[in-house]
Structure formats: structure tokens, C-alpha cells
N, C-alpha and C. Protein backbone atom coordinates (compact mmCIF):
# COMPACT_ATOMS: atom_id res chain seq x y z
N MET A 1 25.75 85.63 -77.85
CA MET A 1 26.22 84.43 -78.36
C MET A 1 26.27 83.41 -77.26
N LEU A 2 25.97 82.28 -77.70
CA LEU A 2 25.96 81.19 -76.73
C LEU A 2 27.32 80.49 -76.80
N VAL A 3 27.84 80.20 -75.63
CA VAL A 3 29.16 79.55 -75.55
C VAL A 3 28.96 78.20 -74.84
N LEU A 4 29.52 77.24 -75.47
CA LEU A 4 29.46 75.91 -74.85
C LEU A 4 30.74 75.77 -74.01
N ASN A 5 30.55 75.60 -72.75
CA ASN A 5 31.69 75.41 -71.83
C ASN A 5 31.80 73.92 -71.49
N ILE A 6 33.00 73.41 -71.57
CA ILE A 6 33.23 72.00 -71.22
C ILE A 6 34.38 71.97 -70.20
N SER A 7 34.10 71.34 -69.14
CA SER A 7 35.14 71.16 -68.09
C SER A 7 35.30 69.64 -67.88
N ARG A 8 36.47 69.30 -67.90
CA ARG A 8 36.72 67.86 -67.80
C ARG A 8 37.63 67.60 -66.58
N GLN A 9 37.29 66.51 -65.88
CA GLN A 9 38.10 66.12 -64.71
C GLN A 9 38.60 64.71 -64.99
N TYR A 10 39.91 64.56 -64.89
CA TYR A 10 40.50 63.26 -65.18
C TYR A 10 40.32 62.33 -63.98
N ALA A 11 40.40 61.05 -64.27
CA ALA A 11 40.31 60.06 -63.19
C ALA A 11 41.67 60.01 -62.47
N LYS A 12 41.61 59.91 -61.18
CA LYS A 12 42.84 59.78 -60.38
C LYS A 12 42.74 58.48 -59.59
N ILE A 13 43.81 57.72 -59.66
CA ILE A 13 43.86 56.44 -58.94
C ILE A 13 44.88 56.57 -57.81
N ASP A 14 44.50 56.16 -56.63
CA ASP A 14 45.41 56.15 -55.47
C ASP A 14 45.89 54.72 -55.28
N ILE A 15 47.20 54.51 -55.42
CA ILE A 15 47.78 53.16 -55.27
C ILE A 15 48.70 53.19 -54.04
N THR A 16 48.38 52.34 -53.09
CA THR A 16 49.27 52.17 -51.93
C THR A 16 49.76 50.73 -51.93
N THR A 17 51.06 50.57 -51.65
CA THR A 17 51.64 49.22 -51.67
C THR A 17 52.36 48.97 -50.34
N THR A 18 52.36 47.74 -49.97
CA THR A 18 53.15 47.29 -48.82
C THR A 18 54.06 46.20 -49.34
N ARG A 19 55.33 46.34 -49.03
CA ARG A 19 56.27 45.35 -49.53
C ARG A 19 56.07 44.00 -48.83
N ALA A 20 56.42 42.99 -49.54
CA ALA A 20 56.35 41.65 -48.94
C ALA A 20 57.46 41.53 -47.89
N GLU A 21 57.16 40.82 -46.79
CA GLU A 21 58.16 40.65 -45.72
C GLU A 21 58.31 39.17 -45.42
N MET A 22 59.55 38.79 -45.23
CA MET A 22 59.84 37.42 -44.82
C MET A 22 60.68 37.54 -43.56
N ASN A 23 60.11 37.23 -42.42
CA ASN A 23 60.84 37.24 -41.14
C ASN A 23 61.20 35.80 -40.80
N MET A 24 62.48 35.58 -40.62
CA MET A 24 62.93 34.23 -40.27
C MET A 24 63.73 34.31 -38.98
N THR A 25 63.37 33.46 -38.03
CA THR A 25 64.15 33.34 -36.80
C THR A 25 64.52 31.87 -36.64
N THR A 26 65.74 31.66 -36.17
CA THR A 26 66.21 30.28 -35.98
C THR A 26 66.72 30.12 -34.56
N THR A 27 66.58 28.92 -34.08
CA THR A 27 67.23 28.54 -32.82
C THR A 27 68.26 27.50 -33.19
N ARG A 28 69.44 27.68 -32.67
CA ARG A 28 70.52 26.76 -33.00
C ARG A 28 70.27 25.40 -32.35
N PRO A 29 70.68 24.34 -32.99
CA PRO A 29 70.59 23.03 -32.34
C PRO A 29 71.63 22.96 -31.22
N GLU A 30 71.31 22.21 -30.18
CA GLU A 30 72.22 22.09 -29.04
C GLU A 30 72.47 20.62 -28.75
N LEU A 31 73.69 20.35 -28.36
CA LEU A 31 74.05 19.02 -27.90
C LEU A 31 74.57 19.20 -26.48
N VAL A 32 73.80 18.74 -25.50
CA VAL A 32 74.18 18.88 -24.09
C VAL A 32 74.79 17.55 -23.65
N ILE A 33 76.03 17.60 -23.22
CA ILE A 33 76.74 16.39 -22.81
C ILE A 33 77.08 16.52 -21.33
N ASP A 34 76.73 15.47 -20.58
CA ASP A 34 77.03 15.42 -19.16
C ASP A 34 77.80 14.13 -18.90
N THR A 35 78.99 14.26 -18.36
CA THR A 35 79.81 13.08 -18.11
C THR A 35 80.06 12.92 -16.63
N GLU A 36 80.22 11.68 -16.24
CA GLU A 36 80.60 11.36 -14.87
C GLU A 36 81.82 10.45 -14.99
N PRO A 37 82.95 10.83 -14.38
CA PRO A 37 84.16 10.04 -14.57
C PRO A 37 84.06 8.68 -13.87
N ALA A 38 84.80 7.76 -14.39
CA ALA A 38 84.87 6.44 -13.74
C ALA A 38 85.70 6.57 -12.46
N THR A 39 85.33 5.81 -11.45
CA THR A 39 86.05 5.86 -10.19
C THR A 39 86.42 4.45 -9.76
N VAL A 40 87.48 4.37 -8.99
CA VAL A 40 87.89 3.09 -8.41
C VAL A 40 88.15 3.35 -6.92
N GLU A 41 87.42 2.64 -6.10
CA GLU A 41 87.65 2.72 -4.66
C GLU A 41 88.49 1.52 -4.27
N ILE A 42 89.61 1.79 -3.64
CA ILE A 42 90.50 0.73 -3.22
C ILE A 42 90.60 0.78 -1.70
N SER A 43 90.29 -0.33 -1.06
CA SER A 43 90.46 -0.39 0.38
C SER A 43 91.38 -1.55 0.70
N GLN A 44 92.23 -1.32 1.65
CA GLN A 44 93.20 -2.34 2.05
C GLN A 44 92.88 -2.74 3.49
N PRO A 45 92.29 -3.94 3.68
CA PRO A 45 92.05 -4.38 5.05
C PRO A 45 93.38 -4.58 5.77
N LYS A 46 93.37 -4.29 7.05
CA LYS A 46 94.59 -4.43 7.81
C LYS A 46 94.97 -5.90 7.92
N GLY A 47 96.26 -6.14 7.84
CA GLY A 47 96.76 -7.50 8.02
C GLY A 47 96.75 -7.87 9.50
N GLU A 48 96.96 -9.14 9.76
CA GLU A 48 96.97 -9.61 11.15
C GLU A 48 98.39 -10.00 11.51
N LEU A 49 98.90 -9.40 12.57
CA LEU A 49 100.23 -9.67 13.07
C LEU A 49 100.09 -10.44 14.37
N GLU A 50 100.64 -11.63 14.40
CA GLU A 50 100.59 -12.45 15.61
C GLU A 50 102.02 -12.66 16.09
N ILE A 51 102.27 -12.28 17.33
CA ILE A 51 103.60 -12.46 17.92
C ILE A 51 103.42 -13.36 19.14
N ASP A 52 104.08 -14.51 19.11
CA ASP A 52 104.03 -15.44 20.23
C ASP A 52 105.35 -15.31 20.99
N TRP A 53 105.26 -14.70 22.18
CA TRP A 53 106.45 -14.43 22.97
C TRP A 53 106.84 -15.61 23.87
N ASP A 54 106.05 -16.69 23.85
CA ASP A 54 106.31 -17.80 24.77
C ASP A 54 107.70 -18.42 24.59
N PRO A 55 108.17 -18.69 23.36
CA PRO A 55 109.52 -19.27 23.25
C PRO A 55 110.62 -18.34 23.77
N PHE A 56 110.45 -17.03 23.56
CA PHE A 56 111.44 -16.07 24.03
C PHE A 56 111.46 -16.03 25.55
N ARG A 57 110.30 -15.95 26.17
CA ARG A 57 110.22 -15.90 27.63
C ARG A 57 110.69 -17.21 28.25
N ALA A 58 110.34 -18.30 27.61
CA ALA A 58 110.75 -19.60 28.16
C ALA A 58 112.26 -19.76 28.14
N SER A 59 112.96 -19.12 27.17
CA SER A 59 114.41 -19.28 27.08
C SER A 59 115.12 -18.57 28.23
N TYR A 60 114.52 -17.59 28.89
CA TYR A 60 115.17 -16.99 30.06
C TYR A 60 114.41 -17.26 31.35
N GLY A 61 113.49 -18.22 31.34
CA GLY A 61 112.92 -18.74 32.58
C GLY A 61 111.48 -18.38 32.87
N ILE A 62 110.85 -17.51 32.13
CA ILE A 62 109.45 -17.17 32.37
C ILE A 62 108.62 -18.06 31.46
N LYS A 63 107.86 -18.95 32.09
CA LYS A 63 107.15 -19.95 31.33
C LYS A 63 105.67 -19.91 31.66
N THR A 64 104.90 -20.48 30.75
CA THR A 64 103.47 -20.62 31.02
C THR A 64 103.27 -21.73 32.04
N SER A 65 102.07 -21.81 32.58
CA SER A 65 101.82 -22.81 33.62
C SER A 65 101.99 -24.23 33.09
N SER A 66 101.60 -24.50 31.88
CA SER A 66 101.77 -25.85 31.34
C SER A 66 103.24 -26.17 31.11
N GLN A 67 104.01 -25.18 30.58
CA GLN A 67 105.44 -25.40 30.38
C GLN A 67 106.15 -25.57 31.73
N PHE A 68 105.73 -24.73 32.71
CA PHE A 68 106.35 -24.79 34.03
C PHE A 68 106.08 -26.16 34.66
N SER A 69 104.85 -26.68 34.57
CA SER A 69 104.52 -28.00 35.14
C SER A 69 105.33 -29.09 34.44
N ARG A 70 105.44 -29.02 33.12
CA ARG A 70 106.19 -30.03 32.38
C ARG A 70 107.67 -29.98 32.78
N ASP A 71 108.24 -28.75 32.88
CA ASP A 71 109.65 -28.63 33.27
C ASP A 71 109.87 -29.10 34.71
N CYS A 72 108.92 -28.78 35.59
CA CYS A 72 109.05 -29.24 36.98
C CYS A 72 108.98 -30.77 37.05
N ALA A 73 108.11 -31.37 36.25
CA ALA A 73 108.01 -32.83 36.22
C ALA A 73 109.32 -33.43 35.71
N ASP A 74 109.90 -32.80 34.66
CA ASP A 74 111.18 -33.29 34.12
C ASP A 74 112.30 -33.15 35.15
N LEU A 75 112.33 -31.97 35.83
CA LEU A 75 113.36 -31.76 36.86
C LEU A 75 113.17 -32.71 38.03
N GLY A 76 111.92 -32.96 38.43
CA GLY A 76 111.65 -33.92 39.52
C GLY A 76 112.09 -35.32 39.16
N ARG A 77 111.83 -35.75 37.94
CA ARG A 77 112.25 -37.07 37.48
C ARG A 77 113.77 -37.14 37.47
N GLN A 78 114.41 -36.07 36.95
CA GLN A 78 115.87 -36.04 36.90
C GLN A 78 116.46 -36.05 38.31
N ALA A 79 115.85 -35.26 39.25
CA ALA A 79 116.36 -35.23 40.63
C ALA A 79 116.18 -36.58 41.30
N ALA A 80 115.07 -37.23 41.02
CA ALA A 80 114.84 -38.56 41.61
C ALA A 80 115.86 -39.56 41.10
N LEU A 81 116.15 -39.53 39.78
CA LEU A 81 117.14 -40.45 39.22
C LEU A 81 118.54 -40.15 39.76
N GLU A 82 118.86 -38.85 39.90
CA GLU A 82 120.16 -38.49 40.46
C GLU A 82 120.27 -38.91 41.92
N ALA A 83 119.18 -38.75 42.68
CA ALA A 83 119.19 -39.15 44.09
C ALA A 83 119.37 -40.66 44.22
N ILE A 84 118.69 -41.42 43.39
CA ILE A 84 118.83 -42.88 43.41
C ILE A 84 120.27 -43.25 43.05
N GLY A 85 120.82 -42.61 42.04
CA GLY A 85 122.21 -42.89 41.64
C GLY A 85 123.18 -42.52 42.74
N ARG A 86 122.97 -41.36 43.41
CA ARG A 86 123.86 -40.92 44.49
C ARG A 86 123.80 -41.88 45.68
N ILE A 87 122.57 -42.29 46.02
CA ILE A 87 122.41 -43.23 47.16
C ILE A 87 123.09 -44.55 46.83
N ALA A 88 122.94 -45.03 45.59
CA ALA A 88 123.59 -46.29 45.21
C ALA A 88 125.10 -46.15 45.27
N GLU A 89 125.63 -45.00 44.82
CA GLU A 89 127.08 -44.77 44.84
C GLU A 89 127.59 -44.67 46.27
N GLU A 90 126.83 -43.97 47.13
CA GLU A 90 127.25 -43.86 48.53
C GLU A 90 127.24 -45.24 49.20
N GLY A 91 126.23 -46.04 48.87
CA GLY A 91 126.19 -47.41 49.43
C GLY A 91 127.37 -48.23 48.96
N ASN A 92 127.75 -48.08 47.70
CA ASN A 92 128.90 -48.82 47.17
C ASN A 92 130.19 -48.33 47.85
N ARG A 93 130.30 -47.02 48.10
CA ARG A 93 131.50 -46.50 48.77
C ARG A 93 131.60 -47.01 50.19
N MET A 94 130.47 -47.11 50.88
CA MET A 94 130.51 -47.60 52.25
C MET A 94 130.78 -49.10 52.29
N ALA A 95 130.38 -49.76 51.23
CA ALA A 95 130.60 -51.20 51.21
C ALA A 95 132.07 -51.53 50.93
N GLN A 96 132.86 -50.67 50.42
CA GLN A 96 134.26 -50.93 50.11
C GLN A 96 135.13 -50.57 51.34
N ILE A 97 135.14 -51.42 52.24
CA ILE A 97 135.91 -51.22 53.47
C ILE A 97 137.39 -51.40 53.17
N GLU A 98 137.70 -52.24 52.23
CA GLU A 98 139.10 -52.55 51.92
C GLU A 98 139.85 -51.35 51.36
N SER A 99 139.15 -50.30 50.93
CA SER A 99 139.84 -49.15 50.35
C SER A 99 140.56 -48.36 51.42
N GLY A 100 140.17 -48.48 52.66
CA GLY A 100 140.82 -47.81 53.78
C GLY A 100 140.36 -46.37 53.94
N GLU A 101 139.37 -46.00 53.25
CA GLU A 101 138.87 -44.63 53.31
C GLU A 101 137.79 -44.58 54.38
N ASP A 102 137.77 -43.49 55.13
CA ASP A 102 136.69 -43.30 56.10
C ASP A 102 135.53 -42.67 55.33
N ALA A 103 134.70 -43.49 54.72
CA ALA A 103 133.67 -43.06 53.78
C ALA A 103 132.64 -42.14 54.40
N PRO A 104 132.10 -42.40 55.62
CA PRO A 104 131.09 -41.49 56.14
C PRO A 104 131.64 -40.08 56.36
N VAL A 105 132.88 -39.94 56.81
CA VAL A 105 133.45 -38.61 57.06
C VAL A 105 133.67 -37.88 55.74
N VAL A 106 134.20 -38.58 54.78
CA VAL A 106 134.48 -37.96 53.47
C VAL A 106 133.17 -37.55 52.79
N MET A 107 132.16 -38.41 52.89
CA MET A 107 130.88 -38.08 52.24
C MET A 107 130.20 -36.89 52.92
N SER A 108 130.32 -36.80 54.27
CA SER A 108 129.71 -35.66 54.96
C SER A 108 130.46 -34.38 54.62
N ALA A 109 131.76 -34.45 54.44
CA ALA A 109 132.54 -33.26 54.06
C ALA A 109 132.19 -32.84 52.63
N GLU A 110 132.00 -33.80 51.76
CA GLU A 110 131.65 -33.48 50.36
C GLU A 110 130.25 -32.87 50.28
N SER A 111 129.35 -33.29 51.16
CA SER A 111 127.98 -32.78 51.09
C SER A 111 127.87 -31.34 51.57
N THR A 112 128.82 -30.90 52.41
CA THR A 112 128.76 -29.52 52.90
C THR A 112 129.39 -28.54 51.93
N MET A 113 130.16 -29.02 50.99
CA MET A 113 130.81 -28.13 50.03
C MET A 113 129.82 -27.76 48.92
N GLN A 114 129.72 -26.48 48.65
CA GLN A 114 128.87 -25.97 47.58
C GLN A 114 129.69 -25.90 46.30
N PRO A 115 129.10 -26.33 45.19
CA PRO A 115 129.86 -26.20 43.95
C PRO A 115 129.93 -24.73 43.54
N ALA A 116 130.98 -24.36 42.86
CA ALA A 116 131.13 -22.98 42.38
C ALA A 116 130.02 -22.69 41.36
N PRO A 117 129.42 -21.50 41.47
CA PRO A 117 128.35 -21.20 40.51
C PRO A 117 128.91 -21.11 39.09
N GLU A 118 128.08 -21.51 38.14
CA GLU A 118 128.46 -21.49 36.74
C GLU A 118 127.75 -20.34 36.03
N VAL A 119 128.49 -19.69 35.19
CA VAL A 119 127.87 -18.69 34.33
C VAL A 119 127.65 -19.37 32.98
N VAL A 120 126.40 -19.41 32.61
CA VAL A 120 126.06 -20.10 31.37
C VAL A 120 125.57 -19.07 30.35
N TRP A 121 126.26 -19.06 29.27
CA TRP A 121 125.81 -18.20 28.17
C TRP A 121 124.92 -19.07 27.29
N SER A 122 123.69 -18.57 27.09
CA SER A 122 122.79 -19.37 26.24
C SER A 122 122.09 -18.46 25.24
N TRP A 123 121.60 -19.06 24.25
CA TRP A 123 120.92 -18.35 23.17
C TRP A 123 119.45 -18.16 23.54
N LEU A 124 118.92 -16.94 23.36
CA LEU A 124 117.50 -16.67 23.61
C LEU A 124 116.73 -16.95 22.33
N ALA A 125 115.68 -17.71 22.47
CA ALA A 125 114.87 -18.05 21.30
C ALA A 125 114.09 -16.82 20.84
N PRO A 126 114.02 -16.61 19.54
CA PRO A 126 113.23 -15.45 19.06
C PRO A 126 111.74 -15.75 19.19
N PRO A 127 110.94 -14.68 19.28
CA PRO A 127 109.50 -14.91 19.32
C PRO A 127 109.00 -15.42 17.96
N ASP A 128 107.90 -16.14 17.98
CA ASP A 128 107.29 -16.60 16.74
C ASP A 128 106.43 -15.46 16.19
N ILE A 129 106.80 -14.98 15.01
CA ILE A 129 106.08 -13.86 14.39
C ILE A 129 105.41 -14.38 13.12
N HIS A 130 104.10 -14.16 13.05
CA HIS A 130 103.33 -14.55 11.86
C HIS A 130 102.51 -13.34 11.43
N TYR A 131 102.65 -13.01 10.16
CA TYR A 131 101.86 -11.90 9.60
C TYR A 131 100.98 -12.44 8.49
N THR A 132 99.69 -12.17 8.58
CA THR A 132 98.75 -12.59 7.54
C THR A 132 98.27 -11.34 6.83
N ALA A 133 98.64 -11.22 5.56
CA ALA A 133 98.22 -10.06 4.75
C ALA A 133 96.89 -10.37 4.08
N HIS A 134 96.05 -9.36 3.97
CA HIS A 134 94.77 -9.50 3.28
C HIS A 134 94.86 -8.79 1.94
N GLN A 135 94.18 -9.34 0.97
CA GLN A 135 94.20 -8.77 -0.38
C GLN A 135 93.45 -7.43 -0.40
N PRO A 136 93.90 -6.48 -1.21
CA PRO A 136 93.15 -5.23 -1.33
C PRO A 136 91.82 -5.48 -2.04
N VAL A 137 90.85 -4.64 -1.72
CA VAL A 137 89.52 -4.76 -2.31
C VAL A 137 89.34 -3.61 -3.30
N PHE A 138 89.07 -3.97 -4.54
CA PHE A 138 88.85 -2.98 -5.59
C PHE A 138 87.36 -2.89 -5.86
N ASN A 139 86.83 -1.67 -5.91
CA ASN A 139 85.42 -1.46 -6.20
C ASN A 139 85.32 -0.42 -7.31
N PRO A 140 85.41 -0.86 -8.57
CA PRO A 140 85.33 0.12 -9.66
C PRO A 140 83.88 0.44 -9.99
N SER A 141 83.64 1.68 -10.35
CA SER A 141 82.33 2.05 -10.87
C SER A 141 82.57 2.73 -12.21
N PRO A 142 81.88 2.26 -13.25
CA PRO A 142 82.15 2.81 -14.59
C PRO A 142 81.65 4.24 -14.71
N GLY A 143 82.29 4.96 -15.59
CA GLY A 143 81.85 6.32 -15.87
C GLY A 143 80.58 6.30 -16.70
N SER A 144 79.96 7.44 -16.81
CA SER A 144 78.74 7.50 -17.61
C SER A 144 78.79 8.73 -18.51
N LEU A 145 78.10 8.61 -19.61
CA LEU A 145 78.00 9.70 -20.58
C LEU A 145 76.53 9.85 -20.92
N ARG A 146 75.98 11.01 -20.61
CA ARG A 146 74.58 11.29 -20.94
C ARG A 146 74.58 12.48 -21.90
N TYR A 147 73.80 12.34 -22.94
CA TYR A 147 73.72 13.45 -23.88
C TYR A 147 72.26 13.66 -24.27
N ASP A 148 71.97 14.89 -24.57
CA ASP A 148 70.61 15.26 -24.97
C ASP A 148 70.75 16.17 -26.18
N PHE A 149 70.07 15.81 -27.24
CA PHE A 149 70.13 16.59 -28.47
C PHE A 149 68.85 17.39 -28.61
N VAL A 150 68.96 18.70 -28.67
CA VAL A 150 67.81 19.58 -28.86
C VAL A 150 67.89 20.10 -30.30
N ARG A 151 66.86 19.77 -31.06
CA ARG A 151 66.87 20.18 -32.47
C ARG A 151 66.70 21.69 -32.59
N GLY A 152 67.31 22.24 -33.62
CA GLY A 152 67.12 23.65 -33.91
C GLY A 152 65.76 23.87 -34.57
N THR A 153 65.26 25.07 -34.50
CA THR A 153 63.96 25.38 -35.11
C THR A 153 64.13 26.53 -36.09
N LEU A 154 63.25 26.55 -37.06
CA LEU A 154 63.21 27.63 -38.04
C LEU A 154 61.78 28.15 -38.06
N ASN A 155 61.59 29.39 -37.66
CA ASN A 155 60.27 30.02 -37.67
C ASN A 155 60.25 31.04 -38.81
N MET A 156 59.27 30.86 -39.69
CA MET A 156 59.14 31.78 -40.82
C MET A 156 57.80 32.48 -40.71
N ASN A 157 57.85 33.79 -40.89
CA ASN A 157 56.63 34.58 -40.91
C ASN A 157 56.63 35.37 -42.22
N TYR A 158 55.78 34.94 -43.13
CA TYR A 158 55.73 35.57 -44.45
C TYR A 158 54.49 36.44 -44.53
N GLN A 159 54.70 37.67 -44.85
CA GLN A 159 53.58 38.57 -45.10
C GLN A 159 53.66 38.99 -46.57
N PRO A 160 52.67 38.59 -47.34
CA PRO A 160 52.74 38.89 -48.77
C PRO A 160 52.60 40.40 -49.02
N ALA A 161 52.99 40.79 -50.18
CA ALA A 161 52.87 42.19 -50.57
C ALA A 161 51.40 42.54 -50.76
N GLN A 162 51.08 43.78 -50.49
CA GLN A 162 49.68 44.22 -50.66
C GLN A 162 49.67 45.43 -51.60
N ILE A 163 48.73 45.37 -52.47
CA ILE A 163 48.52 46.51 -53.37
C ILE A 163 47.07 46.93 -53.20
N ASN A 164 46.86 48.15 -52.78
CA ASN A 164 45.51 48.71 -52.64
C ASN A 164 45.33 49.79 -53.71
N ILE A 165 44.36 49.58 -54.53
CA ILE A 165 44.05 50.55 -55.58
C ILE A 165 42.66 51.08 -55.31
N ARG A 166 42.53 52.39 -55.28
CA ARG A 166 41.19 52.99 -55.10
C ARG A 166 41.12 54.24 -55.97
N MET A 167 39.97 54.51 -56.25
CA MET A 167 39.74 55.70 -57.08
C MET A 167 39.76 56.92 -56.18
N ALA A 168 40.70 57.79 -56.39
CA ALA A 168 40.77 59.00 -55.60
C ALA A 168 39.89 60.09 -56.22
N GLN A 169 39.71 60.03 -57.52
CA GLN A 169 38.87 61.02 -58.19
C GLN A 169 38.29 60.34 -59.42
N TYR A 170 37.01 60.39 -59.52
CA TYR A 170 36.34 59.78 -60.67
C TYR A 170 36.37 60.75 -61.85
N PRO A 171 36.39 60.22 -63.05
CA PRO A 171 36.37 61.13 -64.20
C PRO A 171 34.98 61.78 -64.35
N SER A 172 35.06 62.96 -64.72
CA SER A 172 33.77 63.65 -64.95
C SER A 172 33.91 64.63 -66.12
N LEU A 173 32.77 64.89 -66.69
CA LEU A 173 32.70 65.81 -67.83
C LEU A 173 31.51 66.74 -67.56
N LYS A 174 31.79 68.06 -67.51
CA LYS A 174 30.70 69.03 -67.28
C LYS A 174 30.57 69.90 -68.54
N MET A 175 29.40 69.99 -68.90
CA MET A 175 29.12 70.87 -70.05
C MET A 175 28.02 71.84 -69.64
N TRP A 176 28.24 73.07 -69.99
CA TRP A 176 27.20 74.08 -69.74
C TRP A 176 27.28 75.17 -70.78
N ILE A 177 26.24 75.83 -70.86
CA ILE A 177 26.13 76.88 -71.89
C ILE A 177 26.00 78.20 -71.17
N THR A 178 26.71 79.16 -71.66
CA THR A 178 26.64 80.51 -71.10
C THR A 178 26.35 81.49 -72.23
N ASP A 179 25.72 82.50 -71.82
CA ASP A 179 25.36 83.54 -72.80
C ASP A 179 26.41 84.62 -72.68
N ASN A 180 27.09 84.81 -73.75
CA ASN A 180 28.11 85.82 -73.73
C ASN A 180 27.78 86.82 -74.84
N SER A 181 27.17 87.87 -74.47
CA SER A 181 26.72 88.84 -75.46
C SER A 181 27.84 89.78 -75.82
N LEU A 182 28.80 89.83 -75.06
CA LEU A 182 29.90 90.74 -75.37
C LEU A 182 31.06 89.91 -75.90
N ASP A 183 31.55 90.40 -76.97
CA ASP A 183 32.74 89.72 -77.48
C ASP A 183 33.92 90.52 -77.04
N VAL A 184 34.70 89.92 -76.38
CA VAL A 184 35.89 90.63 -75.92
C VAL A 184 37.06 89.84 -76.49
N HIS A 185 37.81 90.64 -77.21
CA HIS A 185 38.98 89.99 -77.79
C HIS A 185 40.19 90.71 -77.26
N THR A 186 41.02 90.08 -76.96
CA THR A 186 42.25 90.70 -76.49
C THR A 186 43.41 90.31 -77.32
């Protein structure tokens, strides 16, 4: 007996998938601020102090050459006037014979007598003091503010999903005939 044999092979599909990926990276925005404070430079020039000691020194006898010459001229004029007055008085005394005084003897005795020294208390003149102050000098410099803004970035890397389909096994149908002369039943 002839037997028809049929063998069938089903189709097999191989499906491989890759998931979609979304990679996102960000950089934060930055605000860089740099400040410089305001400053003020203050300088104070020195004042000028002038002290004139001439009046003080002159009050106790130490004088400049011009003051000394002026005082000597004044003393010389005064001495000359006193000498003229004394000579006139002595002449008048000698001319008064009727007074009965021995004028030349008395005048010579008076000229040899020294007057008692005098202690004179006097006020000393203060020195002339002048001070000239100078104004302070202000030199302000303003502060500064510098800023720099760096924008943030967003980087996106998208990889779409992939589906790969391929035939792993094609369908097939085999038919063949065999001769089976023996019937075997079980």
C-alpha cells in the first residue's frame, strides 16, 4: 500500500525590539556677580604753624638788628635831650648867685652819687602764633558691579525604538509517498 506522507513546517518569525530612549542632560544657568566696594581716600595736608618769637624776646631785651638800631636811636635822642636839659639846668643853677649855694661843689657831689638800682617788674609779650589749617582732600571712587549671565543648556538625545522582524524559519510543506506493504496495527 502506498502511503502519502505529509510533513509540514510552520513559519517562525524572529522579532527583536529596542526600546526608545530619551537622554536629556541640562546645564544650570549661572549668574556670576563680581563687586568692587566703593572707597574714599581722605588725606589731610599738614597745617602751617608760624610762631614769631620777636615780641617775646624784645620784651626782655633780645632784639633784632632793626629793632636794636631803632631803640638805640630812640635812646640816643632821649639821652641828647636829657643832656641838653641837664646842661641848661646846671647853667641856670650857676647863674643864681643870690641863692648862696656853692653850685659847682654841690653839682660835682651830685654827679658822683649813683642812683639806687630799680627793680622793674614788667609784662613779657607773648609770641605771635598763627596757625593755618588746610582743608582735607576727599578722593572717592565709586564701587562697581559686574555680572555675567551664562544661559543654561538642554541637550536631548532621542533614539527611536527599533523593531527588527526576520523570518527565522520559512513555512514548508513536504509530501512523499512510501510503500508500506505491511500493515501493522497496534
